[in-house]
């Protein structure tokens, strides 16, 4: 399942994006998912919760759910 999330700022932090997109319910869930290496950004595993995600970036969970930032 892929979707799109529109942001109105230059970037959004990865943990915040996961919550905004509904891929996780809480910041704690986002932290655990990211630290466990189960999130990829543009096809590369990312373990940095504060990574800046910009329009055009694609974020995907290990179970195949993902979003593209526009």
PDB file of N, CA and C in Angstrom:
ATOM      1  N   UNK A   1       0.841  -1.180   0.000  1.00  0.00           N
ATOM      2  CA  UNK A   1       0.000   0.000   0.000  1.00  0.00           C
ATOM      3  C   UNK A   1       0.884   1.240   0.000  1.00  0.00           C
ATOM      4  N   UNK A   2       0.732   2.075  -0.987  1.00  0.00           N
ATOM      5  CA  UNK A   2       1.488   3.325  -1.061  1.00  0.00           C
ATOM      6  C   UNK A   2       0.516   4.496  -1.076  1.00  0.00           C
ATOM      7  N   UNK A   3       0.948   5.577  -0.493  1.00  0.00           N
ATOM      8  CA  UNK A   3       0.145   6.781  -0.476  1.00  0.00           C
ATOM      9  C   UNK A   3       1.036   7.991  -0.624  1.00  0.00           C
ATOM     10  N   UNK A   4       0.427   9.152  -0.482  1.00  0.00           N
ATOM     11  CA  UNK A   4       1.163  10.402  -0.559  1.00  0.00           C
ATOM     12  C   UNK A   4       0.823  11.244   0.655  1.00  0.00           C
ATOM     13  N   UNK A   5       1.813  11.966   1.115  1.00  0.00           N
ATOM     14  CA  UNK A   5       1.629  12.903   2.215  1.00  0.00           C
ATOM     15  C   UNK A   5       2.170  14.245   1.757  1.00  0.00           C
ATOM     16  N   UNK A   6       1.333  15.268   1.844  1.00  0.00           N
ATOM     17  CA  UNK A   6       1.771  16.608   1.454  1.00  0.00           C
ATOM     18  C   UNK A   6       2.261  17.360   2.680  1.00  0.00           C
ATOM     19  N   UNK A   7       3.420  17.995   2.534  1.00  0.00           N
ATOM     20  CA  UNK A   7       3.921  18.846   3.611  1.00  0.00           C
ATOM     21  C   UNK A   7       4.020  20.265   3.073  1.00  0.00           C
ATOM     22  N   UNK A   8       3.943  21.217   3.966  1.00  0.00           N
ATOM     23  CA  UNK A   8       3.988  22.631   3.568  1.00  0.00           C
ATOM     24  C   UNK A   8       5.232  23.326   4.088  1.00  0.00           C
ATOM     25  N   UNK A   9       6.183  22.521   4.533  1.00  0.00           N
ATOM     26  CA  UNK A   9       7.452  23.043   5.020  1.00  0.00           C
ATOM     27  C   UNK A   9       8.565  22.449   4.161  1.00  0.00           C
ATOM     28  N   UNK A  10       9.790  22.887   4.394  1.00  0.00           N
ATOM     29  CA  UNK A  10      10.920  22.399   3.612  1.00  0.00           C
ATOM     30  C   UNK A  10      11.163  20.904   3.835  1.00  0.00           C
ATOM     31  N   UNK A  11      10.927  20.446   5.072  1.00  0.00           N
ATOM     32  CA  UNK A  11      11.148  19.039   5.408  1.00  0.00           C
ATOM     33  C   UNK A  11      10.282  18.657   6.588  1.00  0.00           C
ATOM     34  N   UNK A  12      10.226  17.355   6.869  1.00  0.00           N
ATOM     35  CA  UNK A  12       9.582  16.816   8.061  1.00  0.00           C
ATOM     36  C   UNK A  12      10.501  15.720   8.594  1.00  0.00           C
ATOM     37  N   UNK A  13      10.578  15.587   9.901  1.00  0.00           N
ATOM     38  CA  UNK A  13      11.422  14.538  10.476  1.00  0.00           C
ATOM     39  C   UNK A  13      10.741  13.179  10.289  1.00  0.00           C
ATOM     40  N   UNK A  14      11.558  12.164  10.108  1.00  0.00           N
ATOM     41  CA  UNK A  14      11.063  10.829   9.802  1.00  0.00           C
ATOM     42  C   UNK A  14      10.030  10.335  10.810  1.00  0.00           C
ATOM     43  N   UNK A  15      10.314  10.455  12.089  1.00  0.00           N
ATOM     44  CA  UNK A  15       9.370   9.991  13.106  1.00  0.00           C
ATOM     45  C   UNK A  15       8.026  10.687  13.000  1.00  0.00           C
ATOM     46  N   UNK A  16       8.057  11.991  12.750  1.00  0.00           N
ATOM     47  CA  UNK A  16       6.823  12.759  12.594  1.00  0.00           C
ATOM     48  C   UNK A  16       6.057  12.350  11.347  1.00  0.00           C
ATOM     49  N   UNK A  17       6.778  12.065  10.280  1.00  0.00           N
ATOM     50  CA  UNK A  17       6.127  11.634   9.042  1.00  0.00           C
ATOM     51  C   UNK A  17       5.398  10.316   9.239  1.00  0.00           C
ATOM     52  N   UNK A  18       6.024   9.385   9.932  1.00  0.00           N
ATOM     53  CA  UNK A  18       5.389   8.087  10.169  1.00  0.00           C
ATOM     54  C   UNK A  18       4.068   8.253  10.906  1.00  0.00           C
ATOM     55  N   UNK A  19       4.021   9.167  11.881  1.00  0.00           N
ATOM     56  CA  UNK A  19       2.778   9.431  12.601  1.00  0.00           C
ATOM     57  C   UNK A  19       1.768  10.133  11.707  1.00  0.00           C
ATOM     58  N   UNK A  20       2.203  11.149  10.976  1.00  0.00           N
ATOM     59  CA  UNK A  20       1.308  11.906  10.097  1.00  0.00           C
ATOM     60  C   UNK A  20       0.677  11.012   9.039  1.00  0.00           C
ATOM     61  N   UNK A  21       1.445  10.095   8.514  1.00  0.00           N
ATOM     62  CA  UNK A  21       0.962   9.203   7.461  1.00  0.00           C
ATOM     63  C   UNK A  21       0.104   8.065   8.003  1.00  0.00           C
ATOM     64  N   UNK A  22       0.048   7.922   9.329  1.00  0.00           N
ATOM     65  CA  UNK A  22      -0.740   6.858   9.924  1.00  0.00           C
ATOM     66  C   UNK A  22      -0.069   5.495   9.881  1.00  0.00           C
ATOM     67  N   UNK A  23       1.232   5.477   9.630  1.00  0.00           N
ATOM     68  CA  UNK A  23       1.965   4.214   9.607  1.00  0.00           C
ATOM     69  C   UNK A  23       2.253   3.707  11.016  1.00  0.00           C
ATOM     70  N   UNK A  24       2.224   4.615  11.993  1.00  0.00           N
ATOM     71  CA  UNK A  24       2.351   4.268  13.411  1.00  0.00           C
ATOM     72  C   UNK A  24       1.355   5.113  14.186  1.00  0.00           C
ATOM     73  N   UNK A  25       1.057   4.680  15.400  1.00  0.00           N
ATOM     74  CA  UNK A  25       0.101   5.416  16.219  1.00  0.00           C
ATOM     75  C   UNK A  25       0.737   6.411  17.170  1.00  0.00           C
ATOM     76  N   UNK A  26       1.984   6.126  17.580  1.00  0.00           N
ATOM     77  CA  UNK A  26       2.649   6.977  18.570  1.00  0.00           C
ATOM     78  C   UNK A  26       4.104   7.214  18.194  1.00  0.00           C
ATOM     79  N   UNK A  27       4.690   8.213  18.849  1.00  0.00           N
ATOM     80  CA  UNK A  27       6.108   8.469  18.647  1.00  0.00           C
ATOM     81  C   UNK A  27       6.972   7.307  19.115  1.00  0.00           C
ATOM     82  N   UNK A  28       6.528   6.628  20.164  1.00  0.00           N
ATOM     83  CA  UNK A  28       7.266   5.466  20.662  1.00  0.00           C
ATOM     84  C   UNK A  28       7.293   4.332  19.645  1.00  0.00           C
ATOM     85  N   UNK A  29       6.160   4.124  18.986  1.00  0.00           N
ATOM     86  CA  UNK A  29       6.111   3.106  17.930  1.00  0.00           C
ATOM     87  C   UNK A  29       7.055   3.475  16.793  1.00  0.00           C
ATOM     88  N   UNK A  30       7.064   4.762  16.427  1.00  0.00           N
ATOM     89  CA  UNK A  30       7.947   5.225  15.356  1.00  0.00           C
ATOM     90  C   UNK A  30       9.401   4.980  15.738  1.00  0.00           C
ATOM     91  N   UNK A  31       9.754   5.338  16.963  1.00  0.00           N
ATOM     92  CA  UNK A  31      11.127   5.159  17.443  1.00  0.00           C
ATOM     93  C   UNK A  31      11.544   3.693  17.361  1.00  0.00           C
ATOM     94  N   UNK A  32      10.694   2.789  17.837  1.00  0.00           N
ATOM     95  CA  UNK A  32      11.018   1.363  17.824  1.00  0.00           C
ATOM     96  C   UNK A  32      11.170   0.833  16.403  1.00  0.00           C
ATOM     97  N   UNK A  33      10.267   1.225  15.516  1.00  0.00           N
ATOM     98  CA  UNK A  33      10.311   0.772  14.133  1.00  0.00           C
ATOM     99  C   UNK A  33      11.589   1.237  13.441  1.00  0.00           C
ATOM    100  N   UNK A  34      11.938   2.502  13.663  1.00  0.00           N
ATOM    101  CA  UNK A  34      13.131   3.075  13.029  1.00  0.00           C
ATOM    102  C   UNK A  34      14.398   2.429  13.595  1.00  0.00           C
ATOM    103  N   UNK A  35      14.503   2.338  14.918  1.00  0.00           N
ATOM    104  CA  UNK A  35      15.706   1.786  15.531  1.00  0.00           C
ATOM    105  C   UNK A  35      15.905   0.312  15.223  1.00  0.00           C
ATOM    106  N   UNK A  36      14.823  -0.389  14.899  1.00  0.00           N
ATOM    107  CA  UNK A  36      14.945  -1.812  14.578  1.00  0.00           C
ATOM    108  C   UNK A  36      15.334  -2.041  13.119  1.00  0.00           C
ATOM    109  N   UNK A  37      15.513  -0.955  12.362  1.00  0.00           N
ATOM    110  CA  UNK A  37      15.934  -1.080  10.972  1.00  0.00           C
ATOM    111  C   UNK A  37      14.819  -1.512  10.035  1.00  0.00           C
ATOM    112  N   UNK A  38      13.574  -1.228  10.422  1.00  0.00           N
ATOM    113  CA  UNK A  38      12.437  -1.671   9.616  1.00  0.00           C
ATOM    114  C   UNK A  38      11.819  -0.553   8.783  1.00  0.00           C
ATOM    115  N   UNK A  39      12.571   0.540   8.595  1.00  0.00           N
ATOM    116  CA  UNK A  39      12.123   1.657   7.769  1.00  0.00           C
ATOM    117  C   UNK A  39      13.189   1.932   6.721  1.00  0.00           C
ATOM    118  N   UNK A  40      12.752   2.154   5.488  1.00  0.00           N
ATOM    119  CA  UNK A  40      13.705   2.565   4.449  1.00  0.00           C
ATOM    120  C   UNK A  40      13.265   3.900   3.862  1.00  0.00           C
ATOM    121  N   UNK A  41      14.259   4.683   3.517  1.00  0.00           N
ATOM    122  CA  UNK A  41      14.039   5.978   2.875  1.00  0.00           C
ATOM    123  C   UNK A  41      14.726   5.920   1.524  1.00  0.00           C
ATOM    124  N   UNK A  42      13.942   6.074   0.484  1.00  0.00           N
ATOM    125  CA  UNK A  42      14.454   5.998  -0.887  1.00  0.00           C
ATOM    126  C   UNK A  42      15.236   4.699  -1.131  1.00  0.00           C
ATOM    127  N   UNK A  43      14.724   3.604  -0.547  1.00  0.00           N
ATOM    128  CA  UNK A  43      15.311   2.288  -0.778  1.00  0.00           C
ATOM    129  C   UNK A  43      16.456   1.904   0.129  1.00  0.00           C
ATOM    130  N   UNK A  44      16.866   2.789   1.051  1.00  0.00           N
ATOM    131  CA  UNK A  44      17.963   2.488   1.966  1.00  0.00           C
ATOM    132  C   UNK A  44      17.459   2.471   3.400  1.00  0.00           C
ATOM    133  N   UNK A  45      17.865   1.463   4.171  1.00  0.00           N
ATOM    134  CA  UNK A  45      17.452   1.371   5.572  1.00  0.00           C
ATOM    135  C   UNK A  45      17.928   2.609   6.321  1.00  0.00           C
ATOM    136  N   UNK A  46      17.040   3.159   7.138  1.00  0.00           N
ATOM    137  CA  UNK A  46      17.359   4.357   7.913  1.00  0.00           C
ATOM    138  C   UNK A  46      17.051   4.102   9.382  1.00  0.00           C
ATOM    139  N   UNK A  47      18.010   4.359  10.251  1.00  0.00           N
ATOM    140  CA  UNK A  47      17.815   4.185  11.687  1.00  0.00           C
ATOM    141  C   UNK A  47      17.893   5.522  12.431  1.00  0.00           C
ATOM    142  N   UNK A  48      17.805   6.615  11.711  1.00  0.00           N
ATOM    143  CA  UNK A  48      17.896   7.955  12.291  1.00  0.00           C
ATOM    144  C   UNK A  48      16.504   8.577  12.369  1.00  0.00           C
ATOM    145  N   UNK A  49      15.936   8.630  13.567  1.00  0.00           N
ATOM    146  CA  UNK A  49      14.566   9.120  13.751  1.00  0.00           C
ATOM    147  C   UNK A  49      14.394  10.573  13.308  1.00  0.00           C
ATOM    148  N   UNK A  50      15.434  11.366  13.466  1.00  0.00           N
ATOM    149  CA  UNK A  50      15.356  12.779  13.121  1.00  0.00           C
ATOM    150  C   UNK A  50      15.733  13.102  11.681  1.00  0.00           C
ATOM    151  N   UNK A  51      15.890  12.074  10.842  1.00  0.00           N
ATOM    152  CA  UNK A  51      16.269  12.317   9.447  1.00  0.00           C
ATOM    153  C   UNK A  51      15.262  13.243   8.776  1.00  0.00           C
ATOM    154  N   UNK A  52      15.775  14.201   8.038  1.00  0.00           N
ATOM    155  CA  UNK A  52      14.920  15.155   7.342  1.00  0.00           C
ATOM    156  C   UNK A  52      14.396  14.526   6.053  1.00  0.00           C
ATOM    157  N   UNK A  53      13.078  14.463   5.945  1.00  0.00           N
ATOM    158  CA  UNK A  53      12.422  13.914   4.771  1.00  0.00           C
ATOM    159  C   UNK A  53      11.858  15.089   3.977  1.00  0.00           C
ATOM    160  N   UNK A  54      12.196  15.138   2.711  1.00  0.00           N
ATOM    161  CA  UNK A  54      11.814  16.262   1.853  1.00  0.00           C
ATOM    162  C   UNK A  54      10.889  15.792   0.735  1.00  0.00           C
ATOM    163  N   UNK A  55      10.160  16.733   0.108  1.00  0.00           N
ATOM    164  CA  UNK A  55       9.298  16.342  -1.015  1.00  0.00           C
ATOM    165  C   UNK A  55      10.079  15.532  -2.055  1.00  0.00           C
ATOM    166  N   UNK A  56       9.465  14.454  -2.510  1.00  0.00           N
ATOM    167  CA  UNK A  56      10.099  13.551  -3.466  1.00  0.00           C
ATOM    168  C   UNK A  56      10.664  12.301  -2.817  1.00  0.00           C
ATOM    169  N   UNK A  57      10.869  12.335  -1.487  1.00  0.00           N
ATOM    170  CA  UNK A  57      11.383  11.167  -0.776  1.00  0.00           C
ATOM    171  C   UNK A  57      10.274  10.128  -0.608  1.00  0.00           C
ATOM    172  N   UNK A  58      10.667   8.853  -0.643  1.00  0.00           N
ATOM    173  CA  UNK A  58       9.735   7.745  -0.443  1.00  0.00           C
ATOM    174  C   UNK A  58      10.161   6.978   0.801  1.00  0.00           C
ATOM    175  N   UNK A  59       9.223   6.788   1.711  1.00  0.00           N
ATOM    176  CA  UNK A  59       9.475   6.091   2.971  1.00  0.00           C
ATOM    177  C   UNK A  59       8.625   4.831   2.980  1.00  0.00           C
ATOM    178  N   UNK A  60       9.244   3.701   3.352  1.00  0.00           N
ATOM    179  CA  UNK A  60       8.531   2.431   3.339  1.00  0.00           C
ATOM    180  C   UNK A  60       8.857   1.616   4.583  1.00  0.00           C
ATOM    181  N   UNK A  61       7.853   0.917   5.089  1.00  0.00           N
ATOM    182  CA  UNK A  61       8.054   0.019   6.226  1.00  0.00           C
ATOM    183  C   UNK A  61       8.433  -1.360   5.715  1.00  0.00           C
ATOM    184  N   UNK A  62       8.948  -2.192   6.614  1.00  0.00           N
ATOM    185  CA  UNK A  62       9.375  -3.530   6.231  1.00  0.00           C
ATOM    186  C   UNK A  62       8.212  -4.384   5.739  1.00  0.00           C
ATOM    187  N   UNK A  63       6.988  -4.061   6.154  1.00  0.00           N
ATOM    188  CA  UNK A  63       5.833  -4.844   5.712  1.00  0.00           C
ATOM    189  C   UNK A  63       5.230  -4.325   4.410  1.00  0.00           C
ATOM    190  N   UNK A  64       5.905  -3.365   3.777  1.00  0.00           N
ATOM    191  CA  UNK A  64       5.490  -2.921   2.451  1.00  0.00           C
ATOM    192  C   UNK A  64       4.597  -1.695   2.395  1.00  0.00           C
ATOM    193  N   UNK A  65       4.225  -1.142   3.537  1.00  0.00           N
ATOM    194  CA  UNK A  65       3.434   0.094   3.523  1.00  0.00           C
ATOM    195  C   UNK A  65       4.386   1.268   3.316  1.00  0.00           C
ATOM    196  N   UNK A  66       3.980   2.203   2.478  1.00  0.00           N
ATOM    197  CA  UNK A  66       4.859   3.325   2.227  1.00  0.00           C
ATOM    198  C   UNK A  66       4.134   4.583   1.817  1.00  0.00           C
ATOM    199  N   UNK A  67       4.871   5.686   1.851  1.00  0.00           N
ATOM    200  CA  UNK A  67       4.339   6.981   1.429  1.00  0.00           C
ATOM    201  C   UNK A  67       5.415   7.736   0.688  1.00  0.00           C
ATOM    202  N   UNK A  68       4.964   8.564  -0.221  1.00  0.00           N
ATOM    203  CA  UNK A  68       5.841   9.505  -0.915  1.00  0.00           C
ATOM    204  C   UNK A  68       5.458  10.897  -0.442  1.00  0.00           C
ATOM    205  N   UNK A  69       6.450  11.693  -0.107  1.00  0.00           N
ATOM    206  CA  UNK A  69       6.201  13.057   0.355  1.00  0.00           C
ATOM    207  C   UNK A  69       6.105  13.971  -0.864  1.00  0.00           C
ATOM    208  N   UNK A  70       5.046  14.773  -0.870  1.00  0.00           N
ATOM    209  CA  UNK A  70       4.889  15.736  -1.976  1.00  0.00           C
ATOM    210  C   UNK A  70       4.817  17.149  -1.425  1.00  0.00           C
TER     211      UNK A  70
END
